[in-house]
Amino acid sequence: MLCLGLSCLLLHVFAVFGTELTFELPDNDKQCFYEELEKDVKFEIDFQVIAGGNYDVDCFVTDPQDSVLYNEKKKQYDSFSHTTAMKGVYKVCFSNEFSTFTHKTVYLDFRHGDETPLMQSMNGATALTQLESSCVSIHEILKVVADSQTWYRLREAHDRTKAEHLLERVTYWSIGETVLLFVIGVGQVMLLKSFFSEKKGTVAVST
């Protein structure tokens, strides 16, 4: 019965709506995302450049009247939170227009809404039972675990991209060194051969 009660309580999720995505941002390009929000709604934005160039991107957020709420240049990662002052469409844009030949891979997490209790009876005026306290504790721990998994996933993707880029550079460098050594070897053989040819000709003339 205890497990059944815990399962039922954990089915009451938070009323926080979110969008989590990873997208490609070409060079000399800009991408925007739109979300219609009500008044007095808190939204949060987390983004990180996973791959490409110097791992930086321009980001700005505007309200329905095109007033700039957030504007940062060449950021690798950042967070932004804001409570809406009016109803309308809010815009989040990422720009890679300063880059002429490198595209970027960007991770975006957009959340909005207020958290609601796991149960309607849970409020500050009433004491929680042991079961309810356990549910709240488990739920908070699960949220931390989910955030940690997201962070580790981004870290792994970022490190994997850097490792692949380093492997590509090492491969090209090794090929270049191999070709250079081959050219130098052939040149030395041809040079030594020319020395012996000139010496043989000089001896023949002397006799």
N, C-alpha and C. Protein backbone atom coordinates (compact mmCIF):
# COMPACT_ATOMS: atom_id res chain seq x y z
N MET A 1 0.82 -1.21 0.00
CA MET A 1 0.00 0.00 0.00
C MET A 1 0.85 1.26 0.00
N LEU A 2 1.97 1.18 0.70
CA LEU A 2 2.86 2.34 0.73
C LEU A 2 3.42 2.64 -0.65
N CYS A 3 3.85 1.59 -1.37
CA CYS A 3 4.37 1.78 -2.73
C CYS A 3 3.29 2.30 -3.66
N LEU A 4 2.07 1.78 -3.49
CA LEU A 4 0.97 2.24 -4.33
C LEU A 4 0.67 3.71 -4.07
N GLY A 5 0.70 4.10 -2.79
CA GLY A 5 0.45 5.50 -2.46
C GLY A 5 1.51 6.41 -3.02
N LEU A 6 2.78 5.99 -2.95
CA LEU A 6 3.87 6.79 -3.50
C LEU A 6 3.72 6.94 -5.00
N SER A 7 3.36 5.86 -5.67
CA SER A 7 3.20 5.92 -7.12
C SER A 7 2.10 6.88 -7.51
N CYS A 8 1.00 6.84 -6.79
CA CYS A 8 -0.11 7.74 -7.10
C CYS A 8 0.28 9.19 -6.89
N LEU A 9 1.02 9.47 -5.83
CA LEU A 9 1.41 10.85 -5.56
C LEU A 9 2.39 11.36 -6.60
N LEU A 10 3.31 10.51 -7.02
CA LEU A 10 4.32 10.94 -7.98
C LEU A 10 3.73 11.16 -9.36
N LEU A 11 2.52 10.68 -9.62
CA LEU A 11 1.89 10.92 -10.91
C LEU A 11 1.42 12.36 -11.05
N HIS A 12 1.31 13.08 -9.93
CA HIS A 12 0.92 14.49 -9.97
C HIS A 12 2.18 15.31 -10.27
N VAL A 13 2.38 15.65 -11.53
CA VAL A 13 3.60 16.34 -11.94
C VAL A 13 3.44 17.85 -11.77
N PHE A 14 4.55 18.55 -11.87
CA PHE A 14 4.52 19.99 -11.77
C PHE A 14 3.94 20.59 -13.04
N ALA A 15 3.22 21.68 -12.88
CA ALA A 15 2.62 22.36 -14.02
C ALA A 15 3.62 23.33 -14.64
N VAL A 16 4.79 22.80 -14.96
CA VAL A 16 5.81 23.60 -15.62
C VAL A 16 6.00 23.05 -17.02
N PHE A 17 5.76 23.87 -18.02
CA PHE A 17 5.87 23.45 -19.40
C PHE A 17 7.26 23.81 -19.92
N GLY A 18 7.86 22.89 -20.65
CA GLY A 18 9.22 23.14 -21.11
C GLY A 18 9.46 22.57 -22.49
N THR A 19 10.42 23.15 -23.16
CA THR A 19 10.88 22.68 -24.45
C THR A 19 12.39 22.52 -24.38
N GLU A 20 12.85 21.32 -24.70
CA GLU A 20 14.27 21.01 -24.66
C GLU A 20 14.67 20.49 -26.02
N LEU A 21 15.60 21.15 -26.66
CA LEU A 21 15.99 20.74 -28.01
C LEU A 21 17.45 21.09 -28.29
N THR A 22 18.00 20.43 -29.29
CA THR A 22 19.34 20.69 -29.80
C THR A 22 19.22 20.93 -31.30
N PHE A 23 19.76 22.01 -31.79
CA PHE A 23 19.59 22.37 -33.20
C PHE A 23 20.90 22.86 -33.80
N GLU A 24 20.97 22.78 -35.13
CA GLU A 24 22.13 23.25 -35.88
C GLU A 24 21.92 24.72 -36.27
N LEU A 25 22.94 25.53 -36.08
CA LEU A 25 22.89 26.95 -36.43
C LEU A 25 23.97 27.21 -37.48
N PRO A 26 23.60 27.33 -38.77
CA PRO A 26 24.60 27.52 -39.82
C PRO A 26 25.34 28.84 -39.68
N ASP A 27 26.47 28.94 -40.37
CA ASP A 27 27.22 30.19 -40.36
C ASP A 27 26.43 31.27 -41.09
N ASN A 28 26.64 32.52 -40.66
CA ASN A 28 25.93 33.68 -41.22
C ASN A 28 24.41 33.51 -41.18
N ASP A 29 23.92 32.90 -40.11
CA ASP A 29 22.48 32.63 -40.03
C ASP A 29 21.97 32.95 -38.63
N LYS A 30 20.65 33.04 -38.52
CA LYS A 30 19.98 33.32 -37.25
C LYS A 30 18.71 32.49 -37.16
N GLN A 31 18.45 31.94 -35.99
CA GLN A 31 17.23 31.16 -35.76
C GLN A 31 16.51 31.70 -34.54
N CYS A 32 15.19 31.78 -34.65
CA CYS A 32 14.36 32.32 -33.57
C CYS A 32 13.28 31.31 -33.19
N PHE A 33 12.91 31.33 -31.93
CA PHE A 33 11.85 30.48 -31.40
C PHE A 33 10.83 31.37 -30.70
N TYR A 34 9.55 31.03 -30.89
CA TYR A 34 8.46 31.87 -30.40
C TYR A 34 7.59 31.09 -29.42
N GLU A 35 7.15 31.78 -28.38
CA GLU A 35 6.28 31.17 -27.37
C GLU A 35 5.27 32.21 -26.90
N GLU A 36 3.99 31.85 -26.96
CA GLU A 36 2.94 32.77 -26.49
C GLU A 36 2.71 32.51 -25.00
N LEU A 37 2.85 33.55 -24.20
CA LEU A 37 2.74 33.44 -22.76
C LEU A 37 1.70 34.41 -22.22
N GLU A 38 1.12 34.03 -21.10
CA GLU A 38 0.19 34.91 -20.42
C GLU A 38 0.96 35.92 -19.57
N LYS A 39 0.23 36.87 -19.00
CA LYS A 39 0.85 37.86 -18.13
C LYS A 39 1.22 37.22 -16.78
N ASP A 40 2.30 37.73 -16.18
CA ASP A 40 2.78 37.28 -14.86
C ASP A 40 3.15 35.80 -14.86
N VAL A 41 3.73 35.36 -15.95
CA VAL A 41 4.22 33.98 -16.04
C VAL A 41 5.75 34.03 -16.06
N LYS A 42 6.37 33.25 -15.21
CA LYS A 42 7.83 33.21 -15.16
C LYS A 42 8.35 32.18 -16.16
N PHE A 43 9.35 32.60 -16.95
CA PHE A 43 9.99 31.65 -17.87
C PHE A 43 11.51 31.70 -17.67
N GLU A 44 12.14 30.58 -17.94
CA GLU A 44 13.58 30.43 -17.77
C GLU A 44 14.18 29.84 -19.03
N ILE A 45 15.38 30.31 -19.36
CA ILE A 45 16.09 29.85 -20.56
C ILE A 45 17.50 29.43 -20.17
N ASP A 46 17.88 28.24 -20.58
CA ASP A 46 19.25 27.76 -20.44
C ASP A 46 19.74 27.34 -21.83
N PHE A 47 20.92 27.79 -22.21
CA PHE A 47 21.47 27.38 -23.50
C PHE A 47 22.96 27.14 -23.38
N GLN A 48 23.47 26.33 -24.29
CA GLN A 48 24.89 26.01 -24.33
C GLN A 48 25.27 25.61 -25.75
N VAL A 49 26.41 26.11 -26.21
CA VAL A 49 26.93 25.74 -27.52
C VAL A 49 27.72 24.45 -27.35
N ILE A 50 27.29 23.40 -28.02
CA ILE A 50 27.91 22.09 -27.86
C ILE A 50 29.09 21.91 -28.82
N ALA A 51 28.97 22.43 -30.04
CA ALA A 51 30.02 22.21 -31.04
C ALA A 51 30.07 23.39 -32.01
N GLY A 52 31.26 23.56 -32.59
CA GLY A 52 31.41 24.56 -33.63
C GLY A 52 32.24 25.76 -33.24
N GLY A 53 33.29 26.03 -34.02
CA GLY A 53 34.09 27.24 -33.83
C GLY A 53 34.67 27.37 -32.44
N ASN A 54 34.46 28.54 -31.87
CA ASN A 54 34.92 28.81 -30.50
C ASN A 54 33.83 28.54 -29.47
N TYR A 55 32.81 27.78 -29.86
CA TYR A 55 31.72 27.42 -28.96
C TYR A 55 31.02 28.66 -28.39
N ASP A 56 30.71 29.63 -29.26
CA ASP A 56 30.06 30.84 -28.81
C ASP A 56 28.95 31.22 -29.80
N VAL A 57 27.98 31.97 -29.29
CA VAL A 57 26.83 32.37 -30.09
C VAL A 57 26.22 33.62 -29.48
N ASP A 58 25.56 34.43 -30.31
CA ASP A 58 24.82 35.59 -29.83
C ASP A 58 23.39 35.17 -29.50
N CYS A 59 22.85 35.72 -28.41
CA CYS A 59 21.49 35.38 -28.00
C CYS A 59 20.77 36.63 -27.51
N PHE A 60 19.49 36.76 -27.90
CA PHE A 60 18.68 37.85 -27.37
C PHE A 60 17.23 37.41 -27.25
N VAL A 61 16.54 38.02 -26.29
CA VAL A 61 15.14 37.71 -26.01
C VAL A 61 14.35 39.01 -26.06
N THR A 62 13.19 38.99 -26.72
CA THR A 62 12.35 40.18 -26.84
C THR A 62 10.93 39.85 -26.39
N ASP A 63 10.20 40.89 -25.96
CA ASP A 63 8.81 40.74 -25.54
C ASP A 63 7.88 41.02 -26.72
N PRO A 64 6.56 40.95 -26.53
CA PRO A 64 5.63 41.18 -27.64
C PRO A 64 5.76 42.56 -28.29
N GLN A 65 6.32 43.55 -27.60
CA GLN A 65 6.52 44.88 -28.17
C GLN A 65 7.93 45.05 -28.73
N ASP A 66 8.66 43.95 -28.90
CA ASP A 66 10.02 43.94 -29.44
C ASP A 66 11.02 44.67 -28.55
N SER A 67 10.70 44.82 -27.28
CA SER A 67 11.67 45.37 -26.34
C SER A 67 12.64 44.26 -25.93
N VAL A 68 13.91 44.59 -25.91
CA VAL A 68 14.94 43.59 -25.63
C VAL A 68 15.00 43.33 -24.13
N LEU A 69 14.78 42.09 -23.75
CA LEU A 69 14.86 41.68 -22.35
C LEU A 69 16.23 41.11 -22.00
N TYR A 70 16.88 40.53 -22.99
CA TYR A 70 18.18 39.89 -22.77
C TYR A 70 18.96 39.97 -24.07
N ASN A 71 20.22 40.35 -23.97
CA ASN A 71 21.06 40.46 -25.17
C ASN A 71 22.52 40.24 -24.78
N GLU A 72 23.07 39.14 -25.24
CA GLU A 72 24.46 38.81 -24.93
C GLU A 72 25.16 38.38 -26.21
N LYS A 73 26.44 38.75 -26.32
CA LYS A 73 27.24 38.45 -27.51
C LYS A 73 28.28 37.38 -27.20
N LYS A 74 28.42 36.45 -28.12
CA LYS A 74 29.47 35.43 -28.09
C LYS A 74 29.55 34.74 -26.73
N LYS A 75 28.43 34.15 -26.34
CA LYS A 75 28.37 33.41 -25.09
C LYS A 75 28.45 31.91 -25.39
N GLN A 76 29.22 31.20 -24.56
CA GLN A 76 29.29 29.75 -24.69
C GLN A 76 28.08 29.10 -24.02
N TYR A 77 27.65 29.63 -22.90
CA TYR A 77 26.47 29.14 -22.20
C TYR A 77 25.99 30.24 -21.26
N ASP A 78 24.69 30.18 -20.94
CA ASP A 78 24.15 31.18 -20.03
C ASP A 78 22.73 30.78 -19.64
N SER A 79 22.20 31.47 -18.64
CA SER A 79 20.83 31.27 -18.17
C SER A 79 20.14 32.62 -18.03
N PHE A 80 18.83 32.63 -18.23
CA PHE A 80 18.06 33.87 -18.13
C PHE A 80 16.65 33.53 -17.65
N SER A 81 16.15 34.31 -16.71
CA SER A 81 14.79 34.13 -16.20
C SER A 81 14.09 35.48 -16.18
N HIS A 82 12.79 35.46 -16.41
CA HIS A 82 12.03 36.71 -16.48
C HIS A 82 10.56 36.40 -16.23
N THR A 83 9.87 37.35 -15.59
CA THR A 83 8.43 37.25 -15.38
C THR A 83 7.74 38.20 -16.34
N THR A 84 6.83 37.68 -17.13
CA THR A 84 6.20 38.46 -18.18
C THR A 84 5.36 39.60 -17.61
N ALA A 85 5.42 40.74 -18.28
CA ALA A 85 4.64 41.91 -17.87
C ALA A 85 3.39 42.09 -18.72
N MET A 86 3.28 41.29 -19.78
CA MET A 86 2.13 41.41 -20.68
C MET A 86 1.93 40.08 -21.40
N LYS A 87 0.73 39.91 -21.91
CA LYS A 87 0.42 38.71 -22.68
C LYS A 87 0.87 38.91 -24.12
N GLY A 88 1.39 37.85 -24.72
CA GLY A 88 1.81 37.95 -26.11
C GLY A 88 2.87 36.92 -26.46
N VAL A 89 3.46 37.12 -27.61
CA VAL A 89 4.46 36.19 -28.13
C VAL A 89 5.85 36.70 -27.78
N TYR A 90 6.60 35.88 -27.08
CA TYR A 90 7.98 36.20 -26.71
C TYR A 90 8.93 35.45 -27.64
N LYS A 91 10.01 36.10 -27.99
CA LYS A 91 10.92 35.57 -29.01
C LYS A 91 12.31 35.36 -28.43
N VAL A 92 12.87 34.19 -28.71
CA VAL A 92 14.24 33.86 -28.32
C VAL A 92 15.03 33.58 -29.59
N CYS A 93 16.09 34.34 -29.82
CA CYS A 93 16.86 34.23 -31.06
C CYS A 93 18.31 33.91 -30.76
N PHE A 94 18.89 33.10 -31.64
CA PHE A 94 20.32 32.77 -31.59
C PHE A 94 20.92 33.15 -32.94
N SER A 95 22.03 33.88 -32.88
CA SER A 95 22.65 34.38 -34.10
C SER A 95 24.08 33.88 -34.22
N ASN A 96 24.41 33.43 -35.43
CA ASN A 96 25.78 33.03 -35.76
C ASN A 96 26.27 33.84 -36.95
N GLU A 97 25.74 35.07 -37.06
CA GLU A 97 26.06 35.90 -38.21
C GLU A 97 27.49 36.42 -38.19
N PHE A 98 28.14 36.40 -37.03
CA PHE A 98 29.53 36.87 -36.97
C PHE A 98 30.51 35.81 -37.47
N SER A 99 30.05 34.58 -37.65
CA SER A 99 30.91 33.50 -38.12
C SER A 99 30.72 33.32 -39.63
N THR A 100 31.82 33.24 -40.35
CA THR A 100 31.75 33.19 -41.82
C THR A 100 31.84 31.78 -42.38
N PHE A 101 32.33 30.80 -41.60
CA PHE A 101 32.48 29.47 -42.19
C PHE A 101 32.25 28.33 -41.20
N THR A 102 31.94 28.60 -39.94
CA THR A 102 31.72 27.52 -38.98
C THR A 102 30.28 27.54 -38.48
N HIS A 103 29.62 26.39 -38.54
CA HIS A 103 28.27 26.28 -38.00
C HIS A 103 28.36 25.80 -36.56
N LYS A 104 27.30 26.00 -35.81
CA LYS A 104 27.27 25.69 -34.39
C LYS A 104 26.15 24.69 -34.09
N THR A 105 26.33 23.96 -33.03
CA THR A 105 25.29 23.09 -32.48
C THR A 105 24.91 23.63 -31.11
N VAL A 106 23.65 24.01 -30.94
CA VAL A 106 23.20 24.72 -29.74
C VAL A 106 22.14 23.90 -29.02
N TYR A 107 22.28 23.83 -27.71
CA TYR A 107 21.26 23.20 -26.85
C TYR A 107 20.43 24.29 -26.19
N LEU A 108 19.11 24.13 -26.20
CA LEU A 108 18.20 25.11 -25.61
C LEU A 108 17.20 24.41 -24.71
N ASP A 109 17.01 24.96 -23.53
CA ASP A 109 15.99 24.49 -22.58
C ASP A 109 15.14 25.68 -22.19
N PHE A 110 13.88 25.66 -22.61
CA PHE A 110 12.94 26.77 -22.35
C PHE A 110 11.82 26.25 -21.46
N ARG A 111 11.70 26.84 -20.27
CA ARG A 111 10.68 26.43 -19.31
C ARG A 111 9.82 27.63 -18.92
N HIS A 112 8.54 27.39 -18.73
CA HIS A 112 7.65 28.46 -18.26
C HIS A 112 6.51 27.86 -17.45
N GLY A 113 6.01 28.66 -16.53
CA GLY A 113 4.92 28.22 -15.67
C GLY A 113 5.35 28.16 -14.22
N ASP A 114 4.39 28.08 -13.34
CA ASP A 114 4.64 28.01 -11.91
C ASP A 114 4.47 26.58 -11.42
N GLU A 115 5.22 26.24 -10.41
CA GLU A 115 5.12 24.92 -9.83
C GLU A 115 3.87 24.82 -8.95
N THR A 116 3.19 23.71 -9.06
CA THR A 116 2.01 23.44 -8.24
C THR A 116 2.31 22.29 -7.30
N PRO A 117 1.63 22.19 -6.17
CA PRO A 117 1.89 21.09 -5.23
C PRO A 117 1.59 19.74 -5.85
N LEU A 118 2.21 18.71 -5.29
CA LEU A 118 1.92 17.36 -5.76
C LEU A 118 0.45 17.00 -5.51
N MET A 119 -0.10 17.55 -4.43
CA MET A 119 -1.52 17.35 -4.13
C MET A 119 -2.12 18.69 -3.76
N GLN A 120 -3.40 18.85 -4.03
CA GLN A 120 -4.07 20.11 -3.74
C GLN A 120 -4.11 20.40 -2.24
N SER A 121 -4.05 19.37 -1.42
CA SER A 121 -4.11 19.56 0.03
C SER A 121 -2.78 20.04 0.60
N MET A 122 -1.72 20.02 -0.22
CA MET A 122 -0.41 20.44 0.27
C MET A 122 -0.28 21.95 0.16
N ASN A 123 -0.28 22.62 1.27
CA ASN A 123 -0.06 24.06 1.30
C ASN A 123 0.62 24.41 2.60
N GLY A 124 0.98 25.66 2.71
CA GLY A 124 1.74 26.08 3.89
C GLY A 124 0.94 26.04 5.17
N ALA A 125 -0.39 25.98 5.11
CA ALA A 125 -1.21 26.04 6.32
C ALA A 125 -1.43 24.67 6.94
N THR A 126 -1.16 23.61 6.19
CA THR A 126 -1.39 22.27 6.72
C THR A 126 -0.07 21.52 6.82
N ALA A 127 -0.01 20.67 7.83
CA ALA A 127 1.19 19.85 8.02
C ALA A 127 1.13 18.63 7.09
N LEU A 128 2.29 18.22 6.61
CA LEU A 128 2.37 17.08 5.71
C LEU A 128 2.50 15.80 6.51
N THR A 129 1.84 14.78 6.01
CA THR A 129 2.01 13.47 6.61
C THR A 129 3.38 12.90 6.24
N GLN A 130 3.75 11.81 6.87
CA GLN A 130 5.04 11.19 6.57
C GLN A 130 5.10 10.74 5.11
N LEU A 131 4.00 10.22 4.61
CA LEU A 131 3.94 9.77 3.22
C LEU A 131 4.10 10.95 2.27
N GLU A 132 3.39 12.05 2.55
CA GLU A 132 3.49 13.23 1.70
C GLU A 132 4.89 13.84 1.74
N SER A 133 5.48 13.89 2.92
CA SER A 133 6.84 14.40 3.04
C SER A 133 7.83 13.56 2.25
N SER A 134 7.65 12.24 2.30
CA SER A 134 8.53 11.35 1.53
C SER A 134 8.36 11.57 0.04
N CYS A 135 7.13 11.78 -0.40
CA CYS A 135 6.88 12.02 -1.82
C CYS A 135 7.53 13.32 -2.28
N VAL A 136 7.39 14.36 -1.49
CA VAL A 136 8.00 15.65 -1.84
C VAL A 136 9.52 15.52 -1.89
N SER A 137 10.10 14.81 -0.92
CA SER A 137 11.54 14.63 -0.88
C SER A 137 12.04 13.85 -2.10
N ILE A 138 11.33 12.78 -2.44
CA ILE A 138 11.70 11.97 -3.60
C ILE A 138 11.58 12.78 -4.88
N HIS A 139 10.51 13.56 -4.97
CA HIS A 139 10.31 14.36 -6.17
C HIS A 139 11.43 15.39 -6.35
N GLU A 140 11.83 16.04 -5.28
CA GLU A 140 12.91 17.03 -5.36
C GLU A 140 14.22 16.37 -5.76
N ILE A 141 14.47 15.17 -5.21
CA ILE A 141 15.69 14.45 -5.57
C ILE A 141 15.67 14.06 -7.05
N LEU A 142 14.51 13.63 -7.54
CA LEU A 142 14.39 13.27 -8.95
C LEU A 142 14.64 14.47 -9.86
N LYS A 143 14.20 15.64 -9.44
CA LYS A 143 14.47 16.85 -10.22
C LYS A 143 15.96 17.13 -10.29
N VAL A 144 16.66 16.96 -9.17
CA VAL A 144 18.11 17.17 -9.16
C VAL A 144 18.80 16.14 -10.05
N VAL A 145 18.33 14.89 -9.99
CA VAL A 145 18.91 13.84 -10.83
C VAL A 145 18.71 14.16 -12.31
N ALA A 146 17.51 14.62 -12.67
CA ALA A 146 17.24 14.97 -14.07
C ALA A 146 18.13 16.11 -14.54
N ASP A 147 18.30 17.13 -13.71
CA ASP A 147 19.19 18.24 -14.07
C ASP A 147 20.64 17.77 -14.20
N SER A 148 21.06 16.89 -13.31
CA SER A 148 22.43 16.37 -13.38
C SER A 148 22.64 15.54 -14.64
N GLN A 149 21.64 14.74 -15.01
CA GLN A 149 21.76 13.95 -16.23
C GLN A 149 21.85 14.84 -17.46
N THR A 150 21.07 15.92 -17.47
CA THR A 150 21.16 16.86 -18.59
C THR A 150 22.53 17.50 -18.67
N TRP A 151 23.08 17.90 -17.52
CA TRP A 151 24.40 18.52 -17.50
C TRP A 151 25.47 17.55 -17.97
N TYR A 152 25.42 16.31 -17.50
CA TYR A 152 26.41 15.32 -17.92
C TYR A 152 26.26 14.98 -19.40
N ARG A 153 25.03 14.96 -19.90
CA ARG A 153 24.81 14.67 -21.31
C ARG A 153 25.41 15.78 -22.18
N LEU A 154 25.22 17.03 -21.78
CA LEU A 154 25.80 18.14 -22.52
C LEU A 154 27.33 18.12 -22.43
N ARG A 155 27.84 17.82 -21.25
CA ARG A 155 29.30 17.75 -21.07
C ARG A 155 29.89 16.66 -21.95
N GLU A 156 29.22 15.50 -22.00
CA GLU A 156 29.71 14.40 -22.81
C GLU A 156 29.68 14.75 -24.30
N ALA A 157 28.60 15.40 -24.76
CA ALA A 157 28.51 15.79 -26.16
C ALA A 157 29.58 16.82 -26.51
N HIS A 158 29.80 17.77 -25.60
CA HIS A 158 30.82 18.80 -25.83
C HIS A 158 32.21 18.18 -25.89
N ASP A 159 32.53 17.29 -24.95
CA ASP A 159 33.85 16.67 -24.92
C ASP A 159 34.05 15.73 -26.11
N ARG A 160 32.99 15.02 -26.50
CA ARG A 160 33.10 14.14 -27.66
C ARG A 160 33.38 14.93 -28.93
N THR A 161 32.73 16.06 -29.08
CA THR A 161 32.96 16.89 -30.27
C THR A 161 34.39 17.41 -30.29
N LYS A 162 34.89 17.86 -29.15
CA LYS A 162 36.28 18.33 -29.08
C LYS A 162 37.26 17.20 -29.38
N ALA A 163 36.97 15.99 -28.87
CA ALA A 163 37.85 14.86 -29.12
C ALA A 163 37.86 14.49 -30.61
N GLU A 164 36.68 14.51 -31.24
CA GLU A 164 36.62 14.21 -32.67
C GLU A 164 37.36 15.26 -33.48
N HIS A 165 37.24 16.52 -33.07
CA HIS A 165 37.96 17.59 -33.77
C HIS A 165 39.47 17.42 -33.60
N LEU A 166 39.89 17.07 -32.38
CA LEU A 166 41.32 16.85 -32.14
C LEU A 166 41.83 15.66 -32.94
N LEU A 167 41.04 14.58 -33.00
CA LEU A 167 41.43 13.42 -33.79
C LEU A 167 41.57 13.77 -35.26
N GLU A 168 40.67 14.59 -35.78
CA GLU A 168 40.75 15.02 -37.18
C GLU A 168 42.02 15.81 -37.43
N ARG A 169 42.35 16.72 -36.52
CA ARG A 169 43.56 17.52 -36.68
C ARG A 169 44.82 16.66 -36.62
N VAL A 170 44.84 15.71 -35.66
CA VAL A 170 46.00 14.82 -35.54
C VAL A 170 46.15 13.96 -36.79
N THR A 171 45.02 13.49 -37.33
CA THR A 171 45.07 12.67 -38.55
C THR A 171 45.64 13.45 -39.72
N TYR A 172 45.15 14.68 -39.92
CA TYR A 172 45.65 15.51 -41.03
C TYR A 172 47.13 15.84 -40.83
N TRP A 173 47.50 16.12 -39.58
CA TRP A 173 48.90 16.43 -39.29
C TRP A 173 49.80 15.23 -39.57
N SER A 174 49.35 14.04 -39.20
CA SER A 174 50.12 12.83 -39.46
C SER A 174 50.26 12.57 -40.96
N ILE A 175 49.18 12.76 -41.71
CA ILE A 175 49.24 12.59 -43.16
C ILE A 175 50.21 13.60 -43.76
N GLY A 176 50.15 14.83 -43.29
CA GLY A 176 51.06 15.86 -43.80
C GLY A 176 52.51 15.52 -43.51
N GLU A 177 52.78 15.04 -42.29
CA GLU A 177 54.15 14.66 -41.95
C GLU A 177 54.63 13.49 -42.79
N THR A 178 53.73 12.52 -43.04
CA THR A 178 54.11 11.37 -43.86
C THR A 178 54.46 11.80 -45.28
N VAL A 179 53.64 12.65 -45.85
CA VAL A 179 53.92 13.14 -47.20
C VAL A 179 55.21 13.95 -47.23
N LEU A 180 55.42 14.78 -46.21
CA LEU A 180 56.64 15.58 -46.15
C LEU A 180 57.89 14.70 -46.05
N LEU A 181 57.83 13.67 -45.19
CA LEU A 181 58.96 12.75 -45.06
C LEU A 181 59.22 12.01 -46.36
N PHE A 182 58.17 11.62 -47.07
CA PHE A 182 58.34 10.94 -48.36
C PHE A 182 58.99 11.86 -49.39
N VAL A 183 58.55 13.10 -49.44
CA VAL A 183 59.13 14.05 -50.39
C VAL A 183 60.59 14.32 -50.05
N ILE A 184 60.89 14.49 -48.75
CA ILE A 184 62.27 14.74 -48.35
C ILE A 184 63.15 13.52 -48.68
N GLY A 185 62.63 12.31 -48.44
CA GLY A 185 63.40 11.10 -48.76
C GLY A 185 63.70 10.99 -50.23
N VAL A 186 62.69 11.21 -51.07
CA VAL A 186 62.90 11.16 -52.52
C VAL A 186 63.88 12.24 -52.95
N GLY A 187 63.76 13.43 -52.35
CA GLY A 187 64.69 14.51 -52.71
C GLY A 187 66.13 14.18 -52.34
N GLN A 188 66.33 13.59 -51.17
CA GLN A 188 67.68 13.23 -50.77
C GLN A 188 68.27 12.16 -51.68
N VAL A 189 67.46 11.17 -52.07
CA VAL A 189 67.94 10.14 -52.98
C VAL A 189 68.33 10.75 -54.33
N MET A 190 67.49 11.64 -54.84
CA MET A 190 67.79 12.28 -56.13
C MET A 190 69.04 13.15 -56.03
N LEU A 191 69.21 13.82 -54.89
CA LEU A 191 70.38 14.67 -54.70
C LEU A 191 71.66 13.84 -54.65
N LEU A 192 71.65 12.73 -53.89
CA LEU A 192 72.81 11.85 -53.82
C LEU A 192 73.11 11.22 -55.18
N LYS A 193 72.09 10.87 -55.91
CA LYS A 193 72.27 10.30 -57.24
C LYS A 193 72.91 11.29 -58.19
N SER A 194 72.53 12.55 -58.05
CA SER A 194 73.13 13.58 -58.92
C SER A 194 74.60 13.79 -58.59
N PHE A 195 74.98 13.66 -57.33
CA PHE A 195 76.39 13.79 -56.95
C PHE A 195 77.24 12.71 -57.61
N PHE A 196 76.77 11.46 -57.56
CA PHE A 196 77.52 10.37 -58.15
C PHE A 196 77.56 10.48 -59.67
N SER A 197 76.53 10.98 -60.28
CA SER A 197 76.51 11.14 -61.74
C SER A 197 77.54 12.18 -62.16
N GLU A 198 77.62 13.31 -61.46
CA GLU A 198 78.60 14.34 -61.80
C GLU A 198 80.03 13.83 -61.62
N LYS A 199 80.30 13.06 -60.58
CA LYS A 199 81.64 12.53 -60.32
C LYS A 199 82.05 11.56 -61.42
N LYS A 200 81.16 10.71 -61.88
CA LYS A 200 81.45 9.74 -62.93
C LYS A 200 81.77 10.46 -64.23
N GLY A 201 81.09 11.52 -64.53
CA GLY A 201 81.35 12.28 -65.75
C GLY A 201 82.69 12.97 -65.70
N THR A 202 83.08 13.48 -64.55
CA THR A 202 84.37 14.17 -64.40
C THR A 202 85.53 13.21 -64.59
N VAL A 203 85.43 12.01 -64.06
CA VAL A 203 86.48 10.99 -64.22
C VAL A 203 86.65 10.59 -65.68
N ALA A 204 85.57 10.44 -66.39
CA ALA A 204 85.63 10.04 -67.79
C ALA A 204 86.34 11.09 -68.63
N VAL A 205 86.17 12.36 -68.38
CA VAL A 205 86.81 13.41 -69.13
C VAL A 205 88.32 13.44 -68.84
N SER A 206 88.70 13.18 -67.59
CA SER A 206 90.10 13.23 -67.20
C SER A 206 90.91 12.15 -67.90
N THR A 207 90.35 10.97 -68.10
CA THR A 207 91.07 9.90 -68.75
C THR A 207 91.16 10.16 -70.24
